Amino acid sequence: MDKLEGKLDGKIALITGGSSGIGLATAKRFVAEGAYVFITGRRETELAAAVKAVGKNIKALKGDVSNLDDLDRILAVIKQDKGRLDIVFANAGIAKYAALGEVTEELYDAIFDINVKGMLFTVQKALPLMPDGAAIILTSSVVGSKGLGANSAMPPPRRWRGPSPAPGPLI
């Protein structure tokens, strides 16, 4: 028997962006460890495939985390079906790239609506369903702390420096 089997027995989890990648892998693991999992995503076909891949103790809810009405509907279904959330994994996210001089307002809005607004309001709206001791997991990215060429704001021929100090608390 795996050491983690049964570790999540009876737990109820929400995984946004749960139809592929990290979200789907997490849904599979949580169910294997005994949890009942709600997954969200924007595409019905991928959600159906994810439910089939996990097999049991899973329900897919179509919705966009950047749409607050969708979040309200998703959480209303969870409240009606299970009454609580022991784990919220705010995992939905997108990755789109453009050089600094080519970033449009539409690109900026698309990224921030899902990656920031979606994460914040997923957690905020789930709080009333979360008992003491519940867990909140946030997917983040190494891009904020490691320079990767494809994610660079500067075009390759130029070499500029742009430090971003992040001081700790001042005493």
N, C-alpha and C. Protein backbone atom coordinates (compact mmCIF):
# COMPACT_ATOMS: atom_id res chain seq x y z
N MET A 1 0.85 -1.19 0.00
CA MET A 1 0.00 0.00 0.00
C MET A 1 0.89 1.24 0.00
N ASP A 2 0.55 2.18 -0.86
CA ASP A 2 1.27 3.44 -0.95
C ASP A 2 1.12 4.22 0.36
N LYS A 3 2.19 4.89 0.80
CA LYS A 3 2.16 5.65 2.06
C LYS A 3 1.05 6.69 2.10
N LEU A 4 0.73 7.29 0.94
CA LEU A 4 -0.24 8.38 0.91
C LEU A 4 -1.68 7.90 0.68
N GLU A 5 -1.87 6.62 0.34
CA GLU A 5 -3.22 6.13 0.09
C GLU A 5 -4.10 6.38 1.31
N GLY A 6 -5.26 6.95 1.07
CA GLY A 6 -6.19 7.22 2.15
C GLY A 6 -5.93 8.51 2.92
N LYS A 7 -4.87 9.22 2.59
CA LYS A 7 -4.53 10.43 3.32
C LYS A 7 -5.62 11.50 3.19
N LEU A 8 -6.36 11.48 2.09
CA LEU A 8 -7.40 12.48 1.86
C LEU A 8 -8.81 11.89 1.97
N ASP A 9 -8.95 10.77 2.64
CA ASP A 9 -10.26 10.14 2.80
C ASP A 9 -11.29 11.13 3.32
N GLY A 10 -12.41 11.25 2.59
CA GLY A 10 -13.50 12.10 3.01
C GLY A 10 -13.31 13.58 2.72
N LYS A 11 -12.19 13.97 2.16
CA LYS A 11 -11.94 15.39 1.85
C LYS A 11 -12.62 15.77 0.54
N ILE A 12 -13.04 17.02 0.45
CA ILE A 12 -13.67 17.57 -0.75
C ILE A 12 -12.73 18.63 -1.31
N ALA A 13 -12.39 18.51 -2.60
CA ALA A 13 -11.42 19.42 -3.21
C ALA A 13 -12.00 20.08 -4.46
N LEU A 14 -11.57 21.31 -4.69
CA LEU A 14 -11.83 22.04 -5.92
C LEU A 14 -10.49 22.30 -6.59
N ILE A 15 -10.38 21.93 -7.86
CA ILE A 15 -9.17 22.19 -8.63
C ILE A 15 -9.58 22.97 -9.88
N THR A 16 -9.21 24.25 -9.94
CA THR A 16 -9.48 25.02 -11.15
C THR A 16 -8.42 24.66 -12.18
N GLY A 17 -8.80 24.70 -13.45
CA GLY A 17 -7.87 24.27 -14.49
C GLY A 17 -7.55 22.80 -14.34
N GLY A 18 -8.56 22.01 -13.98
CA GLY A 18 -8.34 20.60 -13.66
C GLY A 18 -8.48 19.63 -14.80
N SER A 19 -8.64 20.14 -16.03
CA SER A 19 -8.86 19.22 -17.14
C SER A 19 -7.58 18.81 -17.86
N SER A 20 -6.44 19.36 -17.48
CA SER A 20 -5.17 18.99 -18.12
C SER A 20 -4.00 19.35 -17.22
N GLY A 21 -2.83 18.89 -17.60
CA GLY A 21 -1.58 19.27 -16.94
C GLY A 21 -1.54 19.01 -15.45
N ILE A 22 -1.02 19.98 -14.72
CA ILE A 22 -0.86 19.88 -13.27
C ILE A 22 -2.20 19.64 -12.59
N GLY A 23 -3.25 20.32 -13.06
CA GLY A 23 -4.57 20.17 -12.46
C GLY A 23 -5.10 18.76 -12.58
N LEU A 24 -5.01 18.18 -13.76
CA LEU A 24 -5.49 16.80 -13.97
C LEU A 24 -4.65 15.81 -13.18
N ALA A 25 -3.34 15.97 -13.18
CA ALA A 25 -2.47 15.07 -12.41
C ALA A 25 -2.82 15.16 -10.92
N THR A 26 -3.10 16.35 -10.43
CA THR A 26 -3.47 16.53 -9.03
C THR A 26 -4.83 15.89 -8.75
N ALA A 27 -5.78 16.05 -9.65
CA ALA A 27 -7.09 15.42 -9.48
C ALA A 27 -6.95 13.90 -9.37
N LYS A 28 -6.15 13.31 -10.23
CA LYS A 28 -5.92 11.86 -10.18
C LYS A 28 -5.33 11.46 -8.83
N ARG A 29 -4.36 12.22 -8.37
CA ARG A 29 -3.69 11.88 -7.11
C ARG A 29 -4.63 12.06 -5.92
N PHE A 30 -5.37 13.17 -5.90
CA PHE A 30 -6.30 13.41 -4.80
C PHE A 30 -7.34 12.30 -4.71
N VAL A 31 -7.90 11.89 -5.85
CA VAL A 31 -8.89 10.80 -5.85
C VAL A 31 -8.23 9.50 -5.39
N ALA A 32 -7.03 9.23 -5.84
CA ALA A 32 -6.31 8.02 -5.40
C ALA A 32 -6.09 8.02 -3.89
N GLU A 33 -5.99 9.22 -3.31
CA GLU A 33 -5.77 9.34 -1.87
C GLU A 33 -7.08 9.45 -1.09
N GLY A 34 -8.23 9.33 -1.78
CA GLY A 34 -9.50 9.26 -1.10
C GLY A 34 -10.40 10.48 -1.17
N ALA A 35 -10.00 11.53 -1.88
CA ALA A 35 -10.80 12.75 -1.95
C ALA A 35 -11.88 12.65 -3.02
N TYR A 36 -12.91 13.47 -2.86
CA TYR A 36 -13.88 13.72 -3.92
C TYR A 36 -13.45 15.06 -4.52
N VAL A 37 -13.35 15.12 -5.86
CA VAL A 37 -12.78 16.28 -6.52
C VAL A 37 -13.75 16.92 -7.51
N PHE A 38 -13.87 18.23 -7.43
CA PHE A 38 -14.53 19.03 -8.45
C PHE A 38 -13.43 19.67 -9.27
N ILE A 39 -13.52 19.54 -10.60
CA ILE A 39 -12.56 20.22 -11.47
C ILE A 39 -13.31 21.24 -12.32
N THR A 40 -12.62 22.31 -12.68
CA THR A 40 -13.20 23.30 -13.58
C THR A 40 -12.32 23.47 -14.80
N GLY A 41 -12.94 23.96 -15.85
CA GLY A 41 -12.25 24.27 -17.09
C GLY A 41 -13.21 24.95 -18.03
N ARG A 42 -12.68 25.47 -19.11
CA ARG A 42 -13.51 26.22 -20.05
C ARG A 42 -14.01 25.38 -21.22
N ARG A 43 -13.44 24.20 -21.43
CA ARG A 43 -13.79 23.39 -22.59
C ARG A 43 -14.44 22.07 -22.18
N GLU A 44 -15.66 21.87 -22.65
CA GLU A 44 -16.46 20.69 -22.29
C GLU A 44 -15.76 19.38 -22.68
N THR A 45 -15.17 19.33 -23.87
CA THR A 45 -14.52 18.11 -24.35
C THR A 45 -13.39 17.68 -23.42
N GLU A 46 -12.53 18.63 -23.04
CA GLU A 46 -11.42 18.32 -22.16
C GLU A 46 -11.89 17.92 -20.76
N LEU A 47 -12.95 18.58 -20.28
CA LEU A 47 -13.51 18.22 -18.97
C LEU A 47 -14.03 16.78 -18.98
N ALA A 48 -14.75 16.41 -20.04
CA ALA A 48 -15.28 15.05 -20.15
C ALA A 48 -14.14 14.02 -20.20
N ALA A 49 -13.10 14.33 -20.95
CA ALA A 49 -11.94 13.43 -21.03
C ALA A 49 -11.26 13.30 -19.67
N ALA A 50 -11.18 14.39 -18.92
CA ALA A 50 -10.55 14.34 -17.59
C ALA A 50 -11.37 13.47 -16.64
N VAL A 51 -12.68 13.63 -16.66
CA VAL A 51 -13.54 12.81 -15.80
C VAL A 51 -13.34 11.34 -16.13
N LYS A 52 -13.29 11.03 -17.41
CA LYS A 52 -13.07 9.64 -17.83
C LYS A 52 -11.71 9.13 -17.36
N ALA A 53 -10.68 9.98 -17.46
CA ALA A 53 -9.32 9.58 -17.05
C ALA A 53 -9.23 9.33 -15.55
N VAL A 54 -9.94 10.12 -14.76
CA VAL A 54 -9.90 9.94 -13.30
C VAL A 54 -10.78 8.77 -12.90
N GLY A 55 -11.98 8.70 -13.46
CA GLY A 55 -12.82 7.53 -13.29
C GLY A 55 -13.87 7.55 -12.20
N LYS A 56 -13.58 8.07 -11.05
CA LYS A 56 -14.54 8.03 -9.94
C LYS A 56 -14.30 9.23 -9.04
N ASN A 57 -15.29 9.52 -8.20
CA ASN A 57 -15.18 10.59 -7.20
C ASN A 57 -14.74 11.93 -7.80
N ILE A 58 -15.32 12.25 -8.95
CA ILE A 58 -14.96 13.49 -9.63
C ILE A 58 -16.19 14.05 -10.34
N LYS A 59 -16.29 15.37 -10.33
CA LYS A 59 -17.34 16.06 -11.07
C LYS A 59 -16.72 17.25 -11.77
N ALA A 60 -17.02 17.39 -13.07
CA ALA A 60 -16.51 18.51 -13.86
C ALA A 60 -17.55 19.61 -13.92
N LEU A 61 -17.09 20.84 -13.73
CA LEU A 61 -17.96 22.02 -13.79
C LEU A 61 -17.36 22.99 -14.79
N LYS A 62 -18.07 23.21 -15.89
CA LYS A 62 -17.57 24.11 -16.92
C LYS A 62 -17.70 25.55 -16.43
N GLY A 63 -16.63 26.31 -16.58
CA GLY A 63 -16.66 27.71 -16.19
C GLY A 63 -15.30 28.35 -16.37
N ASP A 64 -15.32 29.66 -16.39
CA ASP A 64 -14.13 30.48 -16.58
C ASP A 64 -13.85 31.21 -15.26
N VAL A 65 -12.69 30.99 -14.67
CA VAL A 65 -12.38 31.61 -13.38
C VAL A 65 -12.32 33.13 -13.44
N SER A 66 -12.18 33.69 -14.63
CA SER A 66 -12.16 35.15 -14.73
C SER A 66 -13.57 35.74 -14.78
N ASN A 67 -14.58 34.88 -14.82
CA ASN A 67 -15.98 35.30 -14.86
C ASN A 67 -16.59 35.06 -13.47
N LEU A 68 -16.87 36.12 -12.74
CA LEU A 68 -17.35 35.97 -11.35
C LEU A 68 -18.70 35.27 -11.28
N ASP A 69 -19.55 35.43 -12.28
CA ASP A 69 -20.81 34.68 -12.30
C ASP A 69 -20.56 33.18 -12.42
N ASP A 70 -19.59 32.79 -13.24
CA ASP A 70 -19.23 31.37 -13.34
C ASP A 70 -18.72 30.85 -12.00
N LEU A 71 -17.87 31.62 -11.33
CA LEU A 71 -17.38 31.19 -10.02
C LEU A 71 -18.52 31.03 -9.02
N ASP A 72 -19.45 31.98 -9.00
CA ASP A 72 -20.60 31.87 -8.10
C ASP A 72 -21.40 30.60 -8.39
N ARG A 73 -21.62 30.30 -9.67
CA ARG A 73 -22.37 29.10 -10.05
C ARG A 73 -21.63 27.83 -9.64
N ILE A 74 -20.34 27.79 -9.89
CA ILE A 74 -19.51 26.62 -9.54
C ILE A 74 -19.57 26.37 -8.04
N LEU A 75 -19.39 27.41 -7.26
CA LEU A 75 -19.39 27.24 -5.80
C LEU A 75 -20.77 26.92 -5.26
N ALA A 76 -21.82 27.40 -5.92
CA ALA A 76 -23.18 27.04 -5.52
C ALA A 76 -23.43 25.54 -5.73
N VAL A 77 -22.93 25.00 -6.83
CA VAL A 77 -23.06 23.56 -7.08
C VAL A 77 -22.31 22.76 -6.02
N ILE A 78 -21.10 23.19 -5.70
CA ILE A 78 -20.31 22.49 -4.69
C ILE A 78 -21.01 22.54 -3.34
N LYS A 79 -21.54 23.71 -2.99
CA LYS A 79 -22.25 23.85 -1.71
C LYS A 79 -23.46 22.92 -1.67
N GLN A 80 -24.21 22.87 -2.76
CA GLN A 80 -25.39 22.01 -2.82
C GLN A 80 -25.01 20.53 -2.77
N ASP A 81 -23.96 20.15 -3.52
CA ASP A 81 -23.58 18.74 -3.61
C ASP A 81 -22.86 18.22 -2.36
N LYS A 82 -21.95 19.01 -1.81
CA LYS A 82 -21.09 18.51 -0.72
C LYS A 82 -21.10 19.38 0.53
N GLY A 83 -21.49 20.65 0.41
CA GLY A 83 -21.63 21.50 1.59
C GLY A 83 -20.36 22.13 2.13
N ARG A 84 -19.21 21.71 1.61
CA ARG A 84 -17.94 22.27 2.12
C ARG A 84 -16.82 22.01 1.12
N LEU A 85 -15.70 22.68 1.36
CA LEU A 85 -14.47 22.45 0.60
C LEU A 85 -13.32 22.34 1.59
N ASP A 86 -12.63 21.23 1.57
CA ASP A 86 -11.47 21.04 2.44
C ASP A 86 -10.18 21.50 1.77
N ILE A 87 -10.19 21.50 0.44
CA ILE A 87 -8.99 21.87 -0.33
C ILE A 87 -9.43 22.72 -1.51
N VAL A 88 -8.80 23.87 -1.68
CA VAL A 88 -8.98 24.68 -2.89
C VAL A 88 -7.61 24.81 -3.55
N PHE A 89 -7.53 24.29 -4.77
CA PHE A 89 -6.30 24.37 -5.55
C PHE A 89 -6.57 25.32 -6.72
N ALA A 90 -6.17 26.58 -6.55
CA ALA A 90 -6.35 27.60 -7.59
C ALA A 90 -5.22 27.42 -8.59
N ASN A 91 -5.50 26.65 -9.62
CA ASN A 91 -4.49 26.20 -10.55
C ASN A 91 -4.68 26.75 -11.97
N ALA A 92 -5.87 27.22 -12.31
CA ALA A 92 -6.12 27.68 -13.68
C ALA A 92 -5.17 28.81 -14.04
N GLY A 93 -4.63 28.73 -15.24
CA GLY A 93 -3.72 29.77 -15.69
C GLY A 93 -3.45 29.64 -17.17
N ILE A 94 -2.99 30.74 -17.76
CA ILE A 94 -2.60 30.72 -19.16
C ILE A 94 -1.21 31.31 -19.30
N ALA A 95 -0.54 30.95 -20.37
CA ALA A 95 0.78 31.50 -20.67
C ALA A 95 0.75 32.00 -22.11
N LYS A 96 0.85 33.30 -22.24
CA LYS A 96 0.93 33.93 -23.56
C LYS A 96 2.09 34.91 -23.49
N TYR A 97 2.79 35.07 -24.61
CA TYR A 97 4.02 35.85 -24.59
C TYR A 97 4.04 36.92 -25.67
N ALA A 98 4.69 38.01 -25.34
CA ALA A 98 4.98 39.06 -26.32
C ALA A 98 6.13 39.89 -25.77
N ALA A 99 6.91 40.44 -26.67
CA ALA A 99 7.97 41.36 -26.25
C ALA A 99 7.32 42.60 -25.65
N LEU A 100 8.04 43.28 -24.77
CA LEU A 100 7.50 44.43 -24.06
C LEU A 100 6.83 45.44 -24.99
N GLY A 101 7.44 45.75 -26.08
CA GLY A 101 6.88 46.72 -27.02
C GLY A 101 5.68 46.21 -27.81
N GLU A 102 5.37 44.92 -27.69
CA GLU A 102 4.27 44.33 -28.44
C GLU A 102 3.11 43.90 -27.56
N VAL A 103 3.21 44.09 -26.25
CA VAL A 103 2.11 43.70 -25.36
C VAL A 103 0.93 44.62 -25.61
N THR A 104 -0.22 44.01 -25.84
CA THR A 104 -1.45 44.79 -26.05
C THR A 104 -2.28 44.77 -24.77
N GLU A 105 -3.22 45.67 -24.70
CA GLU A 105 -4.14 45.68 -23.56
C GLU A 105 -4.94 44.38 -23.51
N GLU A 106 -5.31 43.85 -24.66
CA GLU A 106 -6.07 42.60 -24.70
C GLU A 106 -5.25 41.44 -24.15
N LEU A 107 -3.97 41.37 -24.51
CA LEU A 107 -3.09 40.32 -24.00
C LEU A 107 -2.93 40.46 -22.49
N TYR A 108 -2.65 41.67 -22.06
CA TYR A 108 -2.50 41.94 -20.63
C TYR A 108 -3.77 41.53 -19.87
N ASP A 109 -4.93 41.96 -20.35
CA ASP A 109 -6.19 41.63 -19.68
C ASP A 109 -6.43 40.13 -19.64
N ALA A 110 -6.16 39.44 -20.73
CA ALA A 110 -6.37 37.99 -20.77
C ALA A 110 -5.52 37.29 -19.71
N ILE A 111 -4.27 37.65 -19.62
CA ILE A 111 -3.36 37.02 -18.66
C ILE A 111 -3.77 37.36 -17.23
N PHE A 112 -3.98 38.63 -16.95
CA PHE A 112 -4.30 39.02 -15.58
C PHE A 112 -5.70 38.59 -15.16
N ASP A 113 -6.64 38.55 -16.08
CA ASP A 113 -7.99 38.10 -15.72
C ASP A 113 -8.00 36.66 -15.23
N ILE A 114 -7.27 35.81 -15.89
CA ILE A 114 -7.24 34.39 -15.47
C ILE A 114 -6.22 34.16 -14.37
N ASN A 115 -4.99 34.60 -14.57
CA ASN A 115 -3.90 34.25 -13.64
C ASN A 115 -3.95 34.99 -12.31
N VAL A 116 -4.50 36.18 -12.28
CA VAL A 116 -4.53 36.96 -11.04
C VAL A 116 -5.96 37.09 -10.51
N LYS A 117 -6.82 37.72 -11.29
CA LYS A 117 -8.22 37.90 -10.88
C LYS A 117 -8.88 36.55 -10.60
N GLY A 118 -8.69 35.59 -11.48
CA GLY A 118 -9.29 34.27 -11.30
C GLY A 118 -8.83 33.58 -10.03
N MET A 119 -7.53 33.64 -9.76
CA MET A 119 -7.00 33.02 -8.55
C MET A 119 -7.55 33.70 -7.30
N LEU A 120 -7.50 35.02 -7.28
CA LEU A 120 -7.95 35.76 -6.10
C LEU A 120 -9.43 35.48 -5.80
N PHE A 121 -10.29 35.60 -6.81
CA PHE A 121 -11.71 35.44 -6.55
C PHE A 121 -12.13 33.99 -6.37
N THR A 122 -11.38 33.04 -6.93
CA THR A 122 -11.64 31.64 -6.63
C THR A 122 -11.49 31.40 -5.14
N VAL A 123 -10.38 31.85 -4.59
CA VAL A 123 -10.13 31.65 -3.16
C VAL A 123 -11.13 32.45 -2.33
N GLN A 124 -11.32 33.71 -2.66
CA GLN A 124 -12.24 34.55 -1.88
C GLN A 124 -13.64 33.95 -1.84
N LYS A 125 -14.15 33.52 -2.97
CA LYS A 125 -15.51 33.00 -3.03
C LYS A 125 -15.64 31.61 -2.41
N ALA A 126 -14.54 30.88 -2.31
CA ALA A 126 -14.57 29.55 -1.69
C ALA A 126 -14.49 29.62 -0.16
N LEU A 127 -13.99 30.72 0.39
CA LEU A 127 -13.77 30.82 1.84
C LEU A 127 -14.99 30.44 2.69
N PRO A 128 -16.21 30.87 2.33
CA PRO A 128 -17.36 30.50 3.17
C PRO A 128 -17.62 28.99 3.25
N LEU A 129 -17.10 28.23 2.29
CA LEU A 129 -17.29 26.78 2.30
C LEU A 129 -16.16 26.04 3.00
N MET A 130 -15.15 26.77 3.44
CA MET A 130 -13.95 26.13 3.98
C MET A 130 -13.95 26.13 5.51
N PRO A 131 -13.93 24.92 6.10
CA PRO A 131 -13.88 24.84 7.56
C PRO A 131 -12.47 25.13 8.09
N ASP A 132 -12.34 25.29 9.39
CA ASP A 132 -11.02 25.43 10.00
C ASP A 132 -10.16 24.24 9.59
N GLY A 133 -8.91 24.53 9.28
CA GLY A 133 -7.98 23.47 8.90
C GLY A 133 -7.98 23.15 7.42
N ALA A 134 -8.83 23.82 6.64
CA ALA A 134 -8.85 23.59 5.20
C ALA A 134 -7.56 24.13 4.57
N ALA A 135 -7.28 23.68 3.36
CA ALA A 135 -6.04 24.05 2.68
C ALA A 135 -6.31 24.85 1.41
N ILE A 136 -5.48 25.85 1.18
CA ILE A 136 -5.50 26.63 -0.05
C ILE A 136 -4.15 26.43 -0.72
N ILE A 137 -4.17 25.99 -1.99
CA ILE A 137 -2.96 25.76 -2.76
C ILE A 137 -3.02 26.67 -3.98
N LEU A 138 -1.96 27.43 -4.22
CA LEU A 138 -1.91 28.34 -5.36
C LEU A 138 -0.79 27.92 -6.30
N THR A 139 -1.12 27.70 -7.56
CA THR A 139 -0.08 27.43 -8.55
C THR A 139 0.61 28.75 -8.86
N SER A 140 1.93 28.71 -8.88
CA SER A 140 2.70 29.89 -9.23
C SER A 140 3.64 29.52 -10.36
N SER A 141 4.53 30.41 -10.69
CA SER A 141 5.43 30.18 -11.80
C SER A 141 6.85 30.58 -11.45
N VAL A 142 7.78 29.85 -11.99
CA VAL A 142 9.19 30.17 -11.81
C VAL A 142 9.57 31.42 -12.62
N VAL A 143 8.71 31.82 -13.55
CA VAL A 143 9.01 32.95 -14.43
C VAL A 143 9.23 34.23 -13.63
N GLY A 144 8.60 34.36 -12.47
CA GLY A 144 8.77 35.56 -11.66
C GLY A 144 10.15 35.68 -11.04
N SER A 145 10.89 34.58 -10.96
CA SER A 145 12.18 34.63 -10.29
C SER A 145 13.34 34.09 -11.13
N LYS A 146 13.06 33.58 -12.31
CA LYS A 146 14.10 33.04 -13.18
C LYS A 146 13.90 33.60 -14.57
N GLY A 147 14.89 34.22 -15.11
CA GLY A 147 14.78 34.78 -16.45
C GLY A 147 14.80 33.68 -17.50
N LEU A 148 13.77 33.62 -18.29
CA LEU A 148 13.71 32.65 -19.38
C LEU A 148 13.56 33.44 -20.69
N GLY A 149 14.34 33.08 -21.69
CA GLY A 149 14.36 33.82 -22.94
C GLY A 149 12.99 34.03 -23.55
N ALA A 150 12.16 32.98 -23.59
CA ALA A 150 10.84 33.10 -24.21
C ALA A 150 9.92 34.03 -23.44
N ASN A 151 10.23 34.29 -22.19
CA ASN A 151 9.38 35.13 -21.35
C ASN A 151 9.97 36.52 -21.14
N SER A 152 11.03 36.81 -21.85
CA SER A 152 11.70 38.08 -21.66
C SER A 152 10.89 39.23 -22.22
N ALA A 153 10.90 40.32 -21.51
CA ALA A 153 10.21 41.52 -21.99
C ALA A 153 11.05 42.28 -23.01
N MET A 154 12.33 41.98 -23.07
CA MET A 154 13.22 42.71 -23.97
C MET A 154 13.47 41.89 -25.23
N PRO A 155 13.56 42.55 -26.36
CA PRO A 155 13.93 41.84 -27.59
C PRO A 155 15.39 41.39 -27.51
N PRO A 156 15.75 40.28 -28.10
CA PRO A 156 17.10 39.72 -27.98
C PRO A 156 18.26 40.64 -28.29
N PRO A 157 18.22 41.53 -29.32
CA PRO A 157 19.42 42.31 -29.64
C PRO A 157 19.82 43.31 -28.57
N ARG A 158 18.91 43.70 -27.71
CA ARG A 158 19.23 44.70 -26.70
C ARG A 158 19.54 44.01 -25.37
N ARG A 159 20.40 44.64 -24.62
CA ARG A 159 20.76 44.11 -23.31
C ARG A 159 20.58 45.21 -22.28
N TRP A 160 19.50 45.14 -21.53
CA TRP A 160 19.24 46.13 -20.49
C TRP A 160 19.18 45.42 -19.16
N ARG A 161 19.43 46.18 -18.13
CA ARG A 161 19.29 45.63 -16.78
C ARG A 161 18.09 46.30 -16.14
N GLY A 162 17.35 45.54 -15.36
CA GLY A 162 16.18 46.08 -14.68
C GLY A 162 15.97 45.38 -13.36
N PRO A 163 16.76 45.72 -12.34
CA PRO A 163 16.61 45.02 -11.08
C PRO A 163 15.24 45.28 -10.45
N SER A 164 14.79 44.33 -9.67
CA SER A 164 13.51 44.43 -9.00
C SER A 164 13.71 44.06 -7.53
N PRO A 165 14.12 45.01 -6.70
CA PRO A 165 14.37 44.69 -5.31
C PRO A 165 13.09 44.21 -4.62
N ALA A 166 13.25 43.23 -3.76
CA ALA A 166 12.12 42.72 -2.98
C ALA A 166 12.57 42.63 -1.52
N PRO A 167 12.62 43.79 -0.84
CA PRO A 167 13.12 43.77 0.52
C PRO A 167 12.15 43.08 1.47
N GLY A 168 12.70 42.52 2.49
CA GLY A 168 11.87 41.93 3.54
C GLY A 168 11.37 43.02 4.47
N PRO A 169 10.79 42.64 5.59
CA PRO A 169 10.27 43.65 6.52
C PRO A 169 11.38 44.54 7.06
N LEU A 170 11.09 45.80 7.20
CA LEU A 170 12.05 46.73 7.77
C LEU A 170 11.77 46.89 9.25
N ILE A 171 12.82 46.84 10.05
CA ILE A 171 12.65 46.95 11.49
C ILE A 171 13.12 48.31 11.97
